[in-house]
């Protein structure tokens, strides 16, 4: 009999403990699910001890911890380690079912000791991963009121950042730096500097993060190298970016974020055929809208229209559950289902008030003809000074629609300066919008 996948196990978790996210996860990555009926609900501890399969080091660590928990007496520290092993597996495999198992590990700890900080931190991390940022912030504030632990402040900063509370997030990350400089600390500092428009500062902090990495923690180290590669690519150093992607893939073979970025860089260089292979690997590993969108662009640019259509169909099937914000931007970019795009963006804004959600909302509002609202929300998206090609492309297009040609050209020129970061269809639209603007207002001049 074939062993159940963790997606099948996720159905069991939902059935047993009454969770409400089963259909979302199933839509994210359809997999055979067998209905399982039990005479009683399984406890959190029983759920995390269900036998685990898999061949890599992370899988072996999970099995070893399960065995020790079954036969040991001092279970709490082992359950905590098992919970974080599930988190690591979720990140490196892009399988969200492992976050549900990490949540059950946290609940098992809380059953053993109500309000145990170890259990609360696990739960908070899962909530953050599931975009339940308000709940994650609440747990983080409870933890930071009780103790001074570096990862409590990491959770707090992450939850605040995703809600658009950047100044408060900076304070939390500074506390991390004060308590313990590390890969996790430097990575967050780098991202915050990038959000604030400080690309050289982001590169410097990301290099510190990479230097603080260890092969014993392959996924965080691979993530740090991938982020550094992204910043270097934006700084127009594709050679150094490729070197850091090589490092990321040595640390974590088939690492989806690194494969995605490799494909995007190749696309930016006009090498669509070469981009297809890493993007196919990335989408197979992490079936998120951004992955399928980029793959579709590469396939279409490589003359493989039917395969591109299949990638788009997959994006549309799973996008609303997996990443509604990206689906909203995708639909708005293509001029499809504008009302649905606006609904998705508005729903995302309820939990996530960061600059990229305001960008998605503004772009969807433009697609619906709500130009003034789009302009107001685009100003919110640009408020931190983030240097991002898609933000500038959207801002310029919205300003042009509002009739502010001079502002439109300023933003469009900024997008042109970072044009390698855009997808091929976005680059084409950017050029067309700029050309139309200059034709309509010949007194302006492109830089």
Protein backbone atom coordinates (compact mmCIF):
# COMPACT_ATOMS: atom_id res chain seq x y z
CA UNK A 1 0.00 0.00 0.00
CA UNK A 2 1.33 3.42 -0.93
CA UNK A 3 2.28 5.56 2.04
CA UNK A 4 0.14 8.71 2.42
CA UNK A 5 1.78 11.98 1.46
CA UNK A 6 1.82 14.86 3.90
CA UNK A 7 -0.94 16.43 1.86
CA UNK A 8 -3.03 13.35 2.61
CA UNK A 9 -1.98 13.62 6.23
CA UNK A 10 -3.11 17.23 6.19
CA UNK A 11 -6.63 16.01 5.45
CA UNK A 12 -6.36 13.78 8.50
CA UNK A 13 -5.24 16.71 10.65
CA UNK A 14 -8.16 18.81 9.56
CA UNK A 15 -10.63 15.98 10.08
CA UNK A 16 -9.23 15.15 13.47
CA UNK A 17 -8.74 18.55 15.08
CA UNK A 18 -11.27 20.68 13.23
CA UNK A 19 -8.93 22.99 11.33
CA UNK A 20 -10.34 25.25 8.68
CA UNK A 21 -7.63 25.38 6.03
CA UNK A 22 -7.89 21.98 4.33
CA UNK A 23 -9.46 23.13 1.10
CA UNK A 24 -6.99 26.00 0.79
CA UNK A 25 -4.05 23.68 1.09
CA UNK A 26 -5.61 21.16 -1.25
CA UNK A 27 -6.10 23.84 -3.86
CA UNK A 28 -2.49 24.91 -3.39
CA UNK A 29 -1.14 21.53 -4.47
CA UNK A 30 -3.76 18.94 -5.45
CA UNK A 31 -2.78 15.49 -4.27
CA UNK A 32 -4.61 12.23 -3.72
CA UNK A 33 -6.44 12.50 -0.42
CA UNK A 34 -7.97 9.51 1.27
CA UNK A 35 -10.79 10.16 3.74
CA UNK A 36 -9.83 8.77 7.11
CA UNK A 37 -12.36 8.18 9.84
CA UNK A 38 -11.37 7.60 13.40
CA UNK A 39 -13.38 6.82 16.50
CA UNK A 40 -11.69 9.71 18.28
CA UNK A 41 -9.65 12.73 17.40
CA UNK A 42 -5.91 12.19 17.40
CA UNK A 43 -3.98 14.28 19.90
CA UNK A 44 -1.34 16.74 18.69
CA UNK A 45 1.39 14.43 19.98
CA UNK A 46 -0.05 11.44 18.13
CA UNK A 47 -0.20 13.46 14.93
CA UNK A 48 3.46 14.53 15.01
CA UNK A 49 4.53 10.94 15.70
CA UNK A 50 2.83 9.46 12.63
CA UNK A 51 5.67 7.63 10.79
CA UNK A 52 7.54 9.86 8.38
CA UNK A 53 9.12 8.89 5.07
CA UNK A 54 11.66 10.66 2.89
CA UNK A 55 15.30 10.29 1.99
CA UNK A 56 17.17 13.49 2.79
CA UNK A 57 18.89 14.62 5.97
CA UNK A 58 15.88 16.60 7.15
CA UNK A 59 13.68 13.51 6.83
CA UNK A 60 16.15 11.43 8.82
CA UNK A 61 16.27 14.07 11.54
CA UNK A 62 12.47 13.99 11.81
CA UNK A 63 12.46 10.19 12.12
CA UNK A 64 15.24 10.21 14.71
CA UNK A 65 13.38 12.75 16.83
CA UNK A 66 10.13 10.81 16.56
CA UNK A 67 11.90 7.69 17.80
CA UNK A 68 13.51 9.52 20.71
CA UNK A 69 10.17 11.03 21.71
CA UNK A 70 8.45 7.64 21.65
CA UNK A 71 11.08 6.08 23.88
CA UNK A 72 12.24 9.02 25.98
CA UNK A 73 11.04 10.53 29.24
CA UNK A 74 12.03 14.19 28.92
CA UNK A 75 9.87 14.78 25.86
CA UNK A 76 9.35 18.54 25.75
CA UNK A 77 12.78 19.57 24.37
CA UNK A 78 12.57 16.80 21.76
CA UNK A 79 9.06 17.85 20.69
CA UNK A 80 10.30 21.42 20.33
CA UNK A 81 13.18 20.24 18.12
CA UNK A 82 10.74 18.15 16.08
CA UNK A 83 8.51 21.16 15.55
CA UNK A 84 11.38 23.21 14.17
CA UNK A 85 12.47 20.24 12.04
CA UNK A 86 9.01 20.33 10.46
CA UNK A 87 9.42 24.07 9.86
CA UNK A 88 12.77 23.47 8.16
CA UNK A 89 11.24 20.73 6.03
CA UNK A 90 8.34 23.01 5.05
CA UNK A 91 10.73 25.71 3.89
CA UNK A 92 13.09 23.49 1.94
CA UNK A 93 10.35 21.35 0.35
CA UNK A 94 7.73 24.09 -0.17
CA UNK A 95 5.19 21.65 1.29
CA UNK A 96 2.85 23.63 3.57
CA UNK A 97 1.61 20.43 5.20
CA UNK A 98 4.74 20.45 7.34
CA UNK A 99 3.70 23.78 8.85
CA UNK A 100 0.53 22.08 10.05
CA UNK A 101 2.67 19.42 11.71
CA UNK A 102 4.84 22.12 13.29
CA UNK A 103 1.64 23.66 14.65
CA UNK A 104 0.67 20.33 16.22
CA UNK A 105 4.12 20.13 17.85
CA UNK A 106 3.49 23.56 19.36
CA UNK A 107 0.07 22.48 20.61
CA UNK A 108 1.60 19.33 22.11
CA UNK A 109 4.02 21.50 24.08
CA UNK A 110 1.17 23.70 25.28
CA UNK A 111 -0.81 20.67 26.42
CA UNK A 112 2.18 19.65 28.52
CA UNK A 113 2.73 23.16 29.90
CA UNK A 114 0.11 25.82 29.16
CA UNK A 115 1.66 29.12 27.99
CA UNK A 116 5.03 27.42 27.44
CA UNK A 117 7.07 29.95 25.42
CA UNK A 118 8.54 27.16 23.27
CA UNK A 119 5.08 26.13 22.14
CA UNK A 120 3.92 29.70 21.65
CA UNK A 121 6.93 30.54 19.47
CA UNK A 122 6.25 27.55 17.23
CA UNK A 123 2.61 28.56 16.87
CA UNK A 124 3.57 32.15 16.14
CA UNK A 125 5.98 31.08 13.43
CA UNK A 126 3.30 28.91 11.80
CA UNK A 127 0.79 31.76 11.93
CA UNK A 128 3.32 34.05 10.25
CA UNK A 129 3.98 31.47 7.53
CA UNK A 130 0.22 31.15 6.97
CA UNK A 131 -0.14 34.96 6.70
CA UNK A 132 -2.05 35.20 9.97
CA UNK A 133 0.06 38.18 10.89
CA UNK A 134 -2.19 39.71 13.54
CA UNK A 135 -2.23 36.43 15.48
CA UNK A 136 1.53 36.09 15.08
CA UNK A 137 2.06 39.62 16.41
CA UNK A 138 -0.13 38.90 19.43
CA UNK A 139 1.95 35.85 20.35
CA UNK A 140 5.21 37.72 19.74
CA UNK A 141 4.19 40.56 22.03
CA UNK A 142 3.24 38.06 24.73
CA UNK A 143 6.65 36.40 24.40
CA UNK A 144 8.69 39.61 24.37
CA UNK A 145 6.86 40.76 27.50
CA UNK A 146 7.96 37.57 29.28
CA UNK A 147 11.58 37.16 28.18
CA UNK A 148 14.37 38.49 25.96
CA UNK A 149 14.97 35.88 23.28
CA UNK A 150 16.26 36.74 19.83
CA UNK A 151 13.70 34.73 17.85
CA UNK A 152 10.77 36.25 19.72
CA UNK A 153 11.86 39.60 18.33
CA UNK A 154 12.34 38.01 14.90
CA UNK A 155 8.72 36.88 14.96
CA UNK A 156 7.56 40.28 16.15
CA UNK A 157 9.51 42.13 13.47
CA UNK A 158 8.30 39.81 10.71
CA UNK A 159 4.64 40.13 11.72
CA UNK A 160 4.91 43.92 11.98
CA UNK A 161 6.70 44.25 8.64
CA UNK A 162 4.04 42.29 6.79
CA UNK A 163 1.40 44.56 8.29
CA UNK A 164 3.20 47.62 7.00
CA UNK A 165 4.41 48.75 10.44
CA UNK A 166 7.99 49.25 9.35
CA UNK A 167 9.21 51.61 12.07
CA UNK A 168 8.05 49.21 14.79
CA UNK A 169 9.58 46.32 12.82
CA UNK A 170 12.92 48.15 12.71
CA UNK A 171 12.85 48.45 16.51
CA UNK A 172 12.23 44.71 16.86
CA UNK A 173 15.05 43.86 14.45
CA UNK A 174 17.40 46.24 16.24
CA UNK A 175 16.66 44.31 19.41
CA UNK A 176 17.65 41.15 17.55
CA UNK A 177 20.96 42.76 16.59
CA UNK A 178 21.56 43.80 20.19
CA UNK A 179 20.82 40.30 21.51
CA UNK A 180 22.59 38.16 18.92
CA UNK A 181 24.02 39.07 15.51
CA UNK A 182 23.47 36.04 13.27
CA UNK A 183 22.42 34.95 9.79
CA UNK A 184 18.76 35.43 10.72
CA UNK A 185 19.49 38.90 12.11
CA UNK A 186 21.57 40.12 9.18
CA UNK A 187 19.06 38.73 6.63
CA UNK A 188 16.28 40.79 8.19
CA UNK A 189 18.45 43.89 8.35
CA UNK A 190 19.28 43.42 4.66
CA UNK A 191 15.64 43.15 3.67
CA UNK A 192 14.68 46.17 5.71
CA UNK A 193 17.44 48.24 4.11
CA UNK A 194 16.24 47.12 0.67
CA UNK A 195 12.67 48.11 1.53
CA UNK A 196 13.96 51.54 2.54
CA UNK A 197 15.72 51.97 -0.81
CA UNK A 198 19.27 51.37 0.47
CA UNK A 199 20.59 48.77 -2.00
CA UNK A 200 24.30 49.07 -1.02
CA UNK A 201 23.33 48.69 2.64
CA UNK A 202 21.21 45.65 1.79
CA UNK A 203 24.13 44.04 -0.05
CA UNK A 204 26.50 44.68 2.85
CA UNK A 205 24.12 43.16 5.40
CA UNK A 206 23.31 40.21 3.12
CA UNK A 207 27.03 39.44 2.79
CA UNK A 208 27.26 39.34 6.57
CA UNK A 209 24.30 36.94 6.60
CA UNK A 210 25.98 34.64 4.09
CA UNK A 211 29.25 34.69 6.01
CA UNK A 212 27.37 33.73 9.18
CA UNK A 213 25.76 30.72 7.51
CA UNK A 214 26.58 27.08 8.13
CA UNK A 215 26.16 23.86 6.08
CA UNK A 216 24.50 22.44 9.20
CA UNK A 217 21.60 24.82 8.50
CA UNK A 218 21.34 24.50 4.71
CA UNK A 219 17.99 26.18 4.09
CA UNK A 220 18.65 29.45 5.98
CA UNK A 221 22.09 29.63 4.38
CA UNK A 222 20.64 28.97 0.92
CA UNK A 223 18.01 31.63 1.51
CA UNK A 224 20.66 34.19 2.52
CA UNK A 225 22.71 33.44 -0.59
CA UNK A 226 19.62 33.72 -2.79
CA UNK A 227 18.66 37.08 -1.33
CA UNK A 228 22.20 38.37 -1.79
CA UNK A 229 22.05 37.22 -5.42
CA UNK A 230 18.81 39.17 -5.87
CA UNK A 231 20.34 42.37 -4.54
CA UNK A 232 23.46 41.89 -6.68
CA UNK A 233 21.34 41.34 -9.76
CA UNK A 234 19.49 44.58 -9.06
CA UNK A 235 22.92 46.24 -8.79
CA UNK A 236 23.57 44.88 -12.31
CA UNK A 237 26.17 42.35 -11.20
CA UNK A 238 24.75 39.20 -12.79
CA UNK A 239 28.09 37.38 -12.52
CA UNK A 240 28.30 37.67 -8.75
CA UNK A 241 24.60 36.90 -8.48
CA UNK A 242 25.16 33.64 -10.39
CA UNK A 243 28.02 32.73 -8.04
CA UNK A 244 25.79 33.11 -5.00
CA UNK A 245 23.01 31.11 -6.64
CA UNK A 246 25.54 28.32 -7.23
CA UNK A 247 26.33 28.44 -3.52
CA UNK A 248 22.65 28.31 -2.60
CA UNK A 249 22.08 25.26 -4.79
CA UNK A 250 25.16 23.53 -3.37
CA UNK A 251 23.75 24.01 0.12
CA UNK A 252 20.21 22.98 -0.85
CA UNK A 253 19.98 21.16 -4.20
CA UNK A 254 16.81 21.95 -6.18
CA UNK A 255 16.12 24.90 -3.86
CA UNK A 256 13.07 26.51 -5.44
CA UNK A 257 13.78 30.21 -4.64
CA UNK A 258 17.28 29.91 -6.10
CA UNK A 259 16.01 28.15 -9.22
CA UNK A 260 13.34 30.81 -9.67
CA UNK A 261 15.87 33.62 -9.43
CA UNK A 262 18.23 31.84 -11.83
CA UNK A 263 15.40 31.62 -14.35
CA UNK A 264 14.48 35.28 -13.87
CA UNK A 265 18.08 36.37 -14.43
CA UNK A 266 18.29 34.34 -17.64
CA UNK A 267 15.01 35.87 -18.79
CA UNK A 268 16.35 39.32 -18.01
CA UNK A 269 19.36 38.52 -20.19
CA UNK A 270 17.10 37.46 -23.07
CA UNK A 271 17.97 33.76 -22.66
CA UNK A 272 14.43 32.39 -22.55
CA UNK A 273 15.26 28.86 -23.70
CA UNK A 274 17.93 28.50 -21.01
CA UNK A 275 15.52 29.88 -18.41
CA UNK A 276 12.89 27.19 -18.99
CA UNK A 277 14.68 24.28 -17.28
CA UNK A 278 15.37 25.92 -13.89
CA UNK A 279 11.90 27.49 -13.91
CA UNK A 280 10.25 24.14 -14.58
CA UNK A 281 12.20 22.67 -11.67
CA UNK A 282 11.22 25.59 -9.45
CA UNK A 283 7.51 25.38 -10.29
CA UNK A 284 7.48 21.62 -9.74
CA UNK A 285 9.06 22.14 -6.35
CA UNK A 286 7.05 25.20 -5.29
CA UNK A 287 3.78 25.57 -7.24
CA UNK A 288 3.16 29.22 -6.41
CA UNK A 289 1.72 31.83 -8.81
CA UNK A 290 5.00 33.74 -9.17
CA UNK A 291 6.75 30.52 -10.20
CA UNK A 292 4.12 29.59 -12.80
CA UNK A 293 3.86 33.16 -14.09
CA UNK A 294 7.60 33.36 -14.67
CA UNK A 295 7.66 29.90 -16.23
CA UNK A 296 4.82 30.84 -18.59
CA UNK A 297 6.71 33.96 -19.67
CA UNK A 298 9.84 31.93 -20.40
CA UNK A 299 7.92 29.28 -22.33
CA UNK A 300 6.11 31.86 -24.43
CA UNK A 301 9.34 33.75 -25.15
CA UNK A 302 10.90 30.43 -26.17
CA UNK A 303 8.07 29.80 -28.65
CA UNK A 304 6.35 27.11 -26.56
CA UNK A 305 2.87 28.62 -26.47
CA UNK A 306 0.91 25.48 -25.59
CA UNK A 307 3.15 24.74 -22.62
CA UNK A 308 2.89 28.38 -21.55
CA UNK A 309 -0.91 28.12 -21.66
CA UNK A 310 -0.77 25.06 -19.40
CA UNK A 311 1.40 26.94 -16.89
CA UNK A 312 -1.08 29.82 -16.90
CA UNK A 313 -3.98 27.41 -16.40
CA UNK A 314 -2.22 25.92 -13.38
CA UNK A 315 -1.58 29.40 -11.99
CA UNK A 316 -5.25 30.27 -12.28
CA UNK A 317 -6.40 27.00 -10.70
CA UNK A 318 -4.31 27.31 -7.59
CA UNK A 319 -3.42 31.00 -7.30
CA UNK A 320 -6.34 32.22 -5.19
CA UNK A 321 -5.49 29.80 -2.39
CA UNK A 322 -1.72 29.85 -2.70
CA UNK A 323 -0.96 33.55 -3.21
CA UNK A 324 -3.97 35.79 -3.90
CA UNK A 325 -1.86 38.93 -4.10
CA UNK A 326 0.25 37.68 -6.99
CA UNK A 327 -2.83 36.32 -8.74
CA UNK A 328 -4.45 39.76 -8.43
CA UNK A 329 -1.40 41.40 -10.06
CA UNK A 330 -1.31 38.74 -12.77
CA UNK A 331 -4.98 39.16 -13.67
CA UNK A 332 -4.69 42.95 -13.66
CA UNK A 333 -1.58 42.85 -15.84
CA UNK A 334 -3.39 40.71 -18.42
CA UNK A 335 -6.65 42.64 -18.19
CA UNK A 336 -8.55 39.54 -17.12
CA UNK A 337 -11.33 39.32 -14.52
CA UNK A 338 -10.70 42.80 -13.08
CA UNK A 339 -13.45 42.43 -10.47
CA UNK A 340 -11.90 39.23 -9.16
CA UNK A 341 -8.46 40.84 -9.06
CA UNK A 342 -9.85 43.72 -7.01
CA UNK A 343 -11.62 41.35 -4.64
CA UNK A 344 -8.44 39.34 -4.08
CA UNK A 345 -6.37 42.47 -3.43
CA UNK A 346 -8.90 43.87 -0.98
CA UNK A 347 -9.08 40.58 0.91
CA UNK A 348 -5.30 40.42 1.11
CA UNK A 349 -5.20 43.94 2.51
CA UNK A 350 -7.28 42.83 5.49
CA UNK A 351 -4.33 40.80 6.82
CA UNK A 352 -1.35 42.30 5.04
CA UNK A 353 -0.94 46.06 4.77
CA UNK A 354 2.59 46.20 3.39
CA UNK A 355 3.71 48.19 0.35
CA UNK A 356 3.34 45.28 -2.07
CA UNK A 357 -0.26 44.69 -1.09
CA UNK A 358 -1.01 48.38 -1.68
CA UNK A 359 0.70 48.01 -5.06
CA UNK A 360 -1.52 45.02 -5.92
CA UNK A 361 -4.60 46.96 -4.84
CA UNK A 362 -3.62 50.03 -6.87
CA UNK A 363 -2.93 47.91 -9.96
CA UNK A 364 -6.30 46.15 -9.61
CA UNK A 365 -8.06 49.48 -9.12
CA UNK A 366 -6.52 50.78 -12.33
CA UNK A 367 -7.76 47.66 -14.14
CA UNK A 368 -11.25 48.53 -12.85
CA UNK A 369 -11.04 52.15 -13.98
CA UNK A 370 -10.66 53.54 -10.46
CA UNK A 371 -7.76 55.79 -11.40
CA UNK A 372 -7.82 58.20 -8.47
CA UNK A 373 -8.04 55.41 -5.90
CA UNK A 374 -5.24 53.63 -7.72
CA UNK A 375 -3.07 56.73 -7.52
CA UNK A 376 -3.69 57.16 -3.79
CA UNK A 377 -2.78 53.56 -3.01
CA UNK A 378 0.24 53.68 -5.31
CA UNK A 379 1.53 56.57 -3.21
CA UNK A 380 1.24 54.29 -0.17
CA UNK A 381 3.17 51.60 -2.02
CA UNK A 382 5.99 54.04 -2.79
CA UNK A 383 6.07 55.65 0.67
CA UNK A 384 9.16 53.82 1.96
CA UNK A 385 11.37 54.64 -1.01
CA UNK A 386 11.67 51.02 -2.17
CA UNK A 387 13.58 50.72 -5.43
CA UNK A 388 11.57 48.09 -7.29
CA UNK A 389 11.04 47.84 -11.04
CA UNK A 390 7.46 46.62 -10.86
CA UNK A 391 6.48 49.35 -8.40
CA UNK A 392 7.90 52.01 -10.73
CA UNK A 393 6.26 50.44 -13.81
CA UNK A 394 2.88 50.39 -12.08
CA UNK A 395 3.32 53.91 -10.69
CA UNK A 396 4.21 55.30 -14.10
CA UNK A 397 1.28 53.59 -15.82
CA UNK A 398 -1.15 54.84 -13.16
CA UNK A 399 0.20 58.41 -13.35
CA UNK A 400 -0.16 58.32 -17.14
CA UNK A 401 -3.79 57.18 -16.79
CA UNK A 402 -4.35 60.11 -14.40
CA UNK A 403 -2.96 62.54 -16.98
CA UNK A 404 0.15 63.48 -15.01
CA UNK A 405 2.60 62.94 -17.85
CA UNK A 406 5.67 64.38 -16.16
CA UNK A 407 5.29 62.21 -13.06
CA UNK A 408 4.50 59.21 -15.27
CA UNK A 409 7.72 59.65 -17.24
CA UNK A 410 9.76 59.99 -14.05
CA UNK A 411 8.49 56.65 -12.78
CA UNK A 412 8.74 54.96 -16.16
CA UNK A 413 12.37 56.08 -16.47
CA UNK A 414 13.07 54.57 -13.04
CA UNK A 415 11.51 51.31 -14.22
CA UNK A 416 13.64 51.38 -17.39
CA UNK A 417 16.75 51.67 -15.20
CA UNK A 418 15.81 48.34 -13.60
CA UNK A 419 14.23 46.77 -16.66
CA UNK A 420 16.13 43.49 -16.28
CA UNK A 421 14.03 42.76 -13.18
CA UNK A 422 10.75 42.81 -15.11
CA UNK A 423 9.14 39.90 -16.94
CA UNK A 424 9.23 40.04 -20.76
CA UNK A 425 5.57 41.06 -21.09
CA UNK A 426 6.09 43.79 -18.49
CA UNK A 427 9.14 45.09 -20.32
CA UNK A 428 7.15 45.22 -23.55
CA UNK A 429 4.27 47.05 -21.87
CA UNK A 430 6.71 49.47 -20.23
CA UNK A 431 8.22 50.35 -23.61
CA UNK A 432 4.80 50.76 -25.22
CA UNK A 433 3.52 52.97 -22.39
CA UNK A 434 6.64 55.15 -22.54
CA UNK A 435 6.44 55.49 -26.32
CA UNK A 436 2.75 56.41 -26.19
CA UNK A 437 3.41 58.98 -23.48
CA UNK A 438 6.21 60.64 -25.44
CA UNK A 439 4.08 60.73 -28.58
CA UNK A 440 1.20 62.33 -26.69
CA UNK A 441 3.48 64.81 -24.90
CA UNK A 442 6.42 65.57 -27.23
CA UNK A 443 7.64 68.33 -24.92
CA UNK A 444 8.76 65.61 -22.49
CA UNK A 445 11.95 63.67 -23.07
CA UNK A 446 12.94 60.18 -21.98
CA UNK A 447 16.23 59.73 -20.25
